[in-house]
C-alpha atoms as a PDB file:
ATOM      1  CA  MET A   1      32.648 -26.668 -46.766  1.00  0.00           C
ATOM      2  CA  ALA A   2      29.081 -27.833 -47.237  1.00  0.00           C
ATOM      3  CA  LEU A   3      26.515 -25.431 -48.588  1.00  0.00           C
ATOM      4  CA  GLY A   4      22.814 -26.150 -48.395  1.00  0.00           C
ATOM      5  CA  ASN A   5      23.174 -28.793 -45.691  1.00  0.00           C
ATOM      6  CA  LYS A   6      20.241 -28.738 -43.253  1.00  0.00           C
ATOM      7  CA  GLN A   7      22.237 -30.204 -40.352  1.00  0.00           C
ATOM      8  CA  VAL A   8      25.024 -27.654 -40.754  1.00  0.00           C
ATOM      9  CA  MET A   9      22.442 -24.860 -40.697  1.00  0.00           C
ATOM     10  CA  ALA A  10      20.732 -26.365 -37.635  1.00  0.00           C
ATOM     11  CA  ASP A  11      24.040 -26.653 -35.760  1.00  0.00           C
ATOM     12  CA  ASN A  12      25.037 -23.102 -36.664  1.00  0.00           C
ATOM     13  CA  ILE A  13      21.700 -21.585 -35.635  1.00  0.00           C
ATOM     14  CA  GLN A  14      21.941 -23.368 -32.285  1.00  0.00           C
ATOM     15  CA  TYR A  15      25.552 -22.248 -31.902  1.00  0.00           C
ATOM     16  CA  TYR A  16      24.790 -18.574 -32.528  1.00  0.00           C
ATOM     17  CA  LEU A  17      21.694 -18.633 -30.325  1.00  0.00           C
ATOM     18  CA  ALA A  18      23.794 -19.977 -27.446  1.00  0.00           C
ATOM     19  CA  LYS A  19      26.718 -17.664 -28.195  1.00  0.00           C
ATOM     20  CA  ASN A  20      24.385 -14.662 -28.019  1.00  0.00           C
ATOM     21  CA  ALA A  21      22.512 -15.963 -24.948  1.00  0.00           C
ATOM     22  CA  LYS A  22      19.300 -16.135 -26.963  1.00  0.00           C
ATOM     23  CA  SER A  23      16.648 -18.790 -27.129  1.00  0.00           C
ATOM     24  CA  ALA A  24      14.769 -19.904 -30.200  1.00  0.00           C
ATOM     25  CA  SER A  25      11.749 -18.140 -28.699  1.00  0.00           C
ATOM     26  CA  ASP A  26      13.725 -14.894 -28.507  1.00  0.00           C
ATOM     27  CA  MET A  27      14.650 -15.115 -32.184  1.00  0.00           C
ATOM     28  CA  ILE A  28      11.084 -16.039 -33.154  1.00  0.00           C
ATOM     29  CA  ARG A  29       9.749 -13.026 -31.297  1.00  0.00           C
ATOM     30  CA  ASP A  30      12.478 -10.584 -32.359  1.00  0.00           C
ATOM     31  CA  LEU A  31      12.440 -11.498 -36.061  1.00  0.00           C
ATOM     32  CA  GLU A  32       8.723 -12.320 -36.208  1.00  0.00           C
ATOM     33  CA  PHE A  33       9.357 -15.801 -37.601  1.00  0.00           C
ATOM     34  CA  LYS A  34       6.845 -18.639 -37.327  1.00  0.00           C
ATOM     35  CA  SER A  35       7.804 -20.911 -34.453  1.00  0.00           C
ATOM     36  CA  THR A  36       7.198 -24.111 -36.407  1.00  0.00           C
ATOM     37  CA  THR A  37       9.490 -22.872 -39.159  1.00  0.00           C
ATOM     38  CA  VAL A  38      12.338 -22.036 -36.770  1.00  0.00           C
ATOM     39  CA  TYR A  39      12.054 -25.374 -34.978  1.00  0.00           C
ATOM     40  CA  ASP A  40      12.110 -27.124 -38.355  1.00  0.00           C
ATOM     41  CA  TRP A  41      15.412 -25.344 -39.101  1.00  0.00           C
ATOM     42  CA  ILE A  42      16.843 -26.147 -35.663  1.00  0.00           C
ATOM     43  CA  ASN A  43      15.864 -29.802 -36.021  1.00  0.00           C
ATOM     44  CA  ALA A  44      17.323 -29.988 -39.561  1.00  0.00           C
ATOM     45  CA  ARG A  45      13.953 -30.772 -41.157  1.00  0.00           C
ATOM     46  CA  THR A  46      13.976 -27.811 -43.535  1.00  0.00           C
ATOM     47  CA  TYR A  47      16.391 -25.173 -44.771  1.00  0.00           C
ATOM     48  CA  PRO A  48      15.690 -21.425 -44.554  1.00  0.00           C
ATOM     49  CA  ARG A  49      15.266 -19.224 -47.615  1.00  0.00           C
ATOM     50  CA  ILE A  50      18.048 -16.756 -48.333  1.00  0.00           C
ATOM     51  CA  ASP A  51      16.013 -13.787 -47.027  1.00  0.00           C
ATOM     52  CA  LYS A  52      15.614 -15.555 -43.661  1.00  0.00           C
ATOM     53  CA  ILE A  53      19.317 -16.451 -43.606  1.00  0.00           C
ATOM     54  CA  GLU A  54      20.123 -12.782 -44.156  1.00  0.00           C
ATOM     55  CA  MET A  55      17.762 -11.715 -41.355  1.00  0.00           C
ATOM     56  CA  MET A  56      19.394 -14.201 -38.971  1.00  0.00           C
ATOM     57  CA  SER A  57      22.909 -13.136 -39.954  1.00  0.00           C
ATOM     58  CA  ASN A  58      21.996  -9.509 -39.244  1.00  0.00           C
ATOM     59  CA  TYR A  59      20.394 -10.550 -35.949  1.00  0.00           C
ATOM     60  CA  PHE A  60      23.556 -12.347 -34.820  1.00  0.00           C
ATOM     61  CA  GLY A  61      25.922  -9.774 -36.351  1.00  0.00           C
ATOM     62  CA  ILE A  62      27.631 -12.369 -38.556  1.00  0.00           C
ATOM     63  CA  ASP A  63      28.113 -13.100 -42.244  1.00  0.00           C
ATOM     64  CA  LYS A  64      25.587 -15.300 -44.050  1.00  0.00           C
ATOM     65  CA  SER A  65      28.412 -17.758 -44.672  1.00  0.00           C
ATOM     66  CA  ASP A  66      28.732 -18.256 -40.907  1.00  0.00           C
ATOM     67  CA  LEU A  67      25.283 -19.844 -40.958  1.00  0.00           C
ATOM     68  CA  VAL A  68      25.555 -21.923 -44.127  1.00  0.00           C
ATOM     69  CA  GLU A  69      29.132 -23.213 -43.903  1.00  0.00           C
ATOM     70  CA  GLU A  70      30.342 -26.022 -41.703  1.00  0.00           C
ATOM     71  CA  ARG A  71      32.276 -24.706 -38.711  1.00  0.00           C
ATOM     72  CA  GLY A  72      34.462 -27.764 -38.017  1.00  0.00           C
ATOM     73  CA  ASN A  73      34.091 -31.079 -36.255  1.00  0.00           C
ATOM     74  CA  ASN A  74      31.560 -30.036 -33.598  1.00  0.00           C
ATOM     75  CA  PRO A  75      30.771 -26.345 -33.304  1.00  0.00           C
ATOM     76  CA  LEU A  76      28.619 -26.864 -30.205  1.00  0.00           C
ATOM     77  CA  LYS A  77      30.933 -28.965 -28.065  1.00  0.00           C
ATOM     78  CA  GLU A  78      33.560 -26.687 -26.531  1.00  0.00           C
ATOM     79  CA  GLU A  79      32.754 -23.067 -27.255  1.00  0.00           C
ATOM     80  CA  THR A  80      28.990 -23.244 -26.737  1.00  0.00           C
ATOM     81  CA  THR A  81      29.332 -25.308 -23.595  1.00  0.00           C
ATOM     82  CA  ASN A  82      31.618 -22.691 -22.100  1.00  0.00           C
ATOM     83  CA  ASP A  83      29.275 -19.908 -23.161  1.00  0.00           C
ATOM     84  CA  LEU A  84      26.342 -21.719 -21.560  1.00  0.00           C
ATOM     85  CA  LYS A  85      28.274 -22.285 -18.331  1.00  0.00           C
ATOM     86  CA  ASP A  86      28.956 -18.544 -18.140  1.00  0.00           C
ATOM     87  CA  TYR A  87      25.325 -17.841 -18.944  1.00  0.00           C
ATOM     88  CA  PHE A  88      24.095 -20.163 -16.172  1.00  0.00           C
ATOM     89  CA  ASP A  89      26.386 -18.444 -13.675  1.00  0.00           C
ATOM     90  CA  GLU A  90      25.185 -14.986 -14.710  1.00  0.00           C
ATOM     91  CA  HIS A  91      21.481 -15.895 -15.077  1.00  0.00           C
ATOM     92  CA  PRO A  92      20.391 -18.220 -12.288  1.00  0.00           C
ATOM     93  CA  VAL A  93      16.786 -18.128 -13.552  1.00  0.00           C
ATOM     94  CA  LEU A  94      16.171 -19.492 -17.022  1.00  0.00           C
ATOM     95  CA  LYS A  95      12.880 -19.970 -18.788  1.00  0.00           C
ATOM     96  CA  PHE A  96      11.634 -22.539 -21.247  1.00  0.00           C
ATOM     97  CA  ASP A  97       8.440 -21.912 -23.149  1.00  0.00           C
ATOM     98  CA  GLY A  98       7.804 -18.894 -20.918  1.00  0.00           C
ATOM     99  CA  LYS A  99       8.006 -20.889 -17.675  1.00  0.00           C
ATOM    100  CA  GLU A 100      10.803 -20.733 -15.122  1.00  0.00           C
ATOM    101  CA  ILE A 101      12.986 -23.852 -15.035  1.00  0.00           C
ATOM    102  CA  PRO A 102      13.013 -25.319 -11.485  1.00  0.00           C
ATOM    103  CA  ASP A 103      16.343 -25.563  -9.622  1.00  0.00           C
ATOM    104  CA  ALA A 104      16.376 -29.377  -9.729  1.00  0.00           C
ATOM    105  CA  GLU A 105      16.076 -29.373 -13.521  1.00  0.00           C
ATOM    106  CA  MET A 106      18.702 -26.625 -13.814  1.00  0.00           C
ATOM    107  CA  LYS A 107      21.156 -28.873 -11.942  1.00  0.00           C
ATOM    108  CA  ILE A 108      20.460 -31.680 -14.410  1.00  0.00           C
ATOM    109  CA  ILE A 109      21.001 -29.349 -17.363  1.00  0.00           C
ATOM    110  CA  LYS A 110      24.294 -28.110 -15.878  1.00  0.00           C
ATOM    111  CA  ARG A 111      25.477 -31.716 -15.369  1.00  0.00           C
ATOM    112  CA  ILE A 112      24.655 -32.555 -18.989  1.00  0.00           C
ATOM    113  CA  LEU A 113      26.625 -29.551 -20.197  1.00  0.00           C
ATOM    114  CA  GLU A 114      29.560 -30.425 -17.963  1.00  0.00           C
ATOM    115  CA  ASP A 115      29.513 -33.982 -19.354  1.00  0.00           C
ATOM    116  CA  MET A 116      29.799 -32.536 -22.866  1.00  0.00           C
ATOM    117  CA  ASP A 117      33.257 -31.219 -21.921  1.00  0.00           C
ATOM    118  CA  ASP A 118      34.513 -34.741 -21.209  1.00  0.00           C
END
């Protein structure tokens, strides 16, 4: 169990965003966080303060420890991939940075996710 590890936090934030069918932009908007700060967390450049960890844990409906503790070998590989596959099936239109992702790019994204299962 690693506490204070930026990569663990980054992986866990990404995991819970995907698990809750949320984007980083959704969390930024909903919690009124600065976008640069959130992307620094997601890219393991910085580590959030405890008040921000608590806000995120409340947002995801999880314990703070779920964000700060390592979840195992690769928390994103199996469970998140399956969640994203379900999400793609249920939401044929996805957006990135407020713009709709074209069908051709969606197919590429789906192939990448399917390759993660291998």
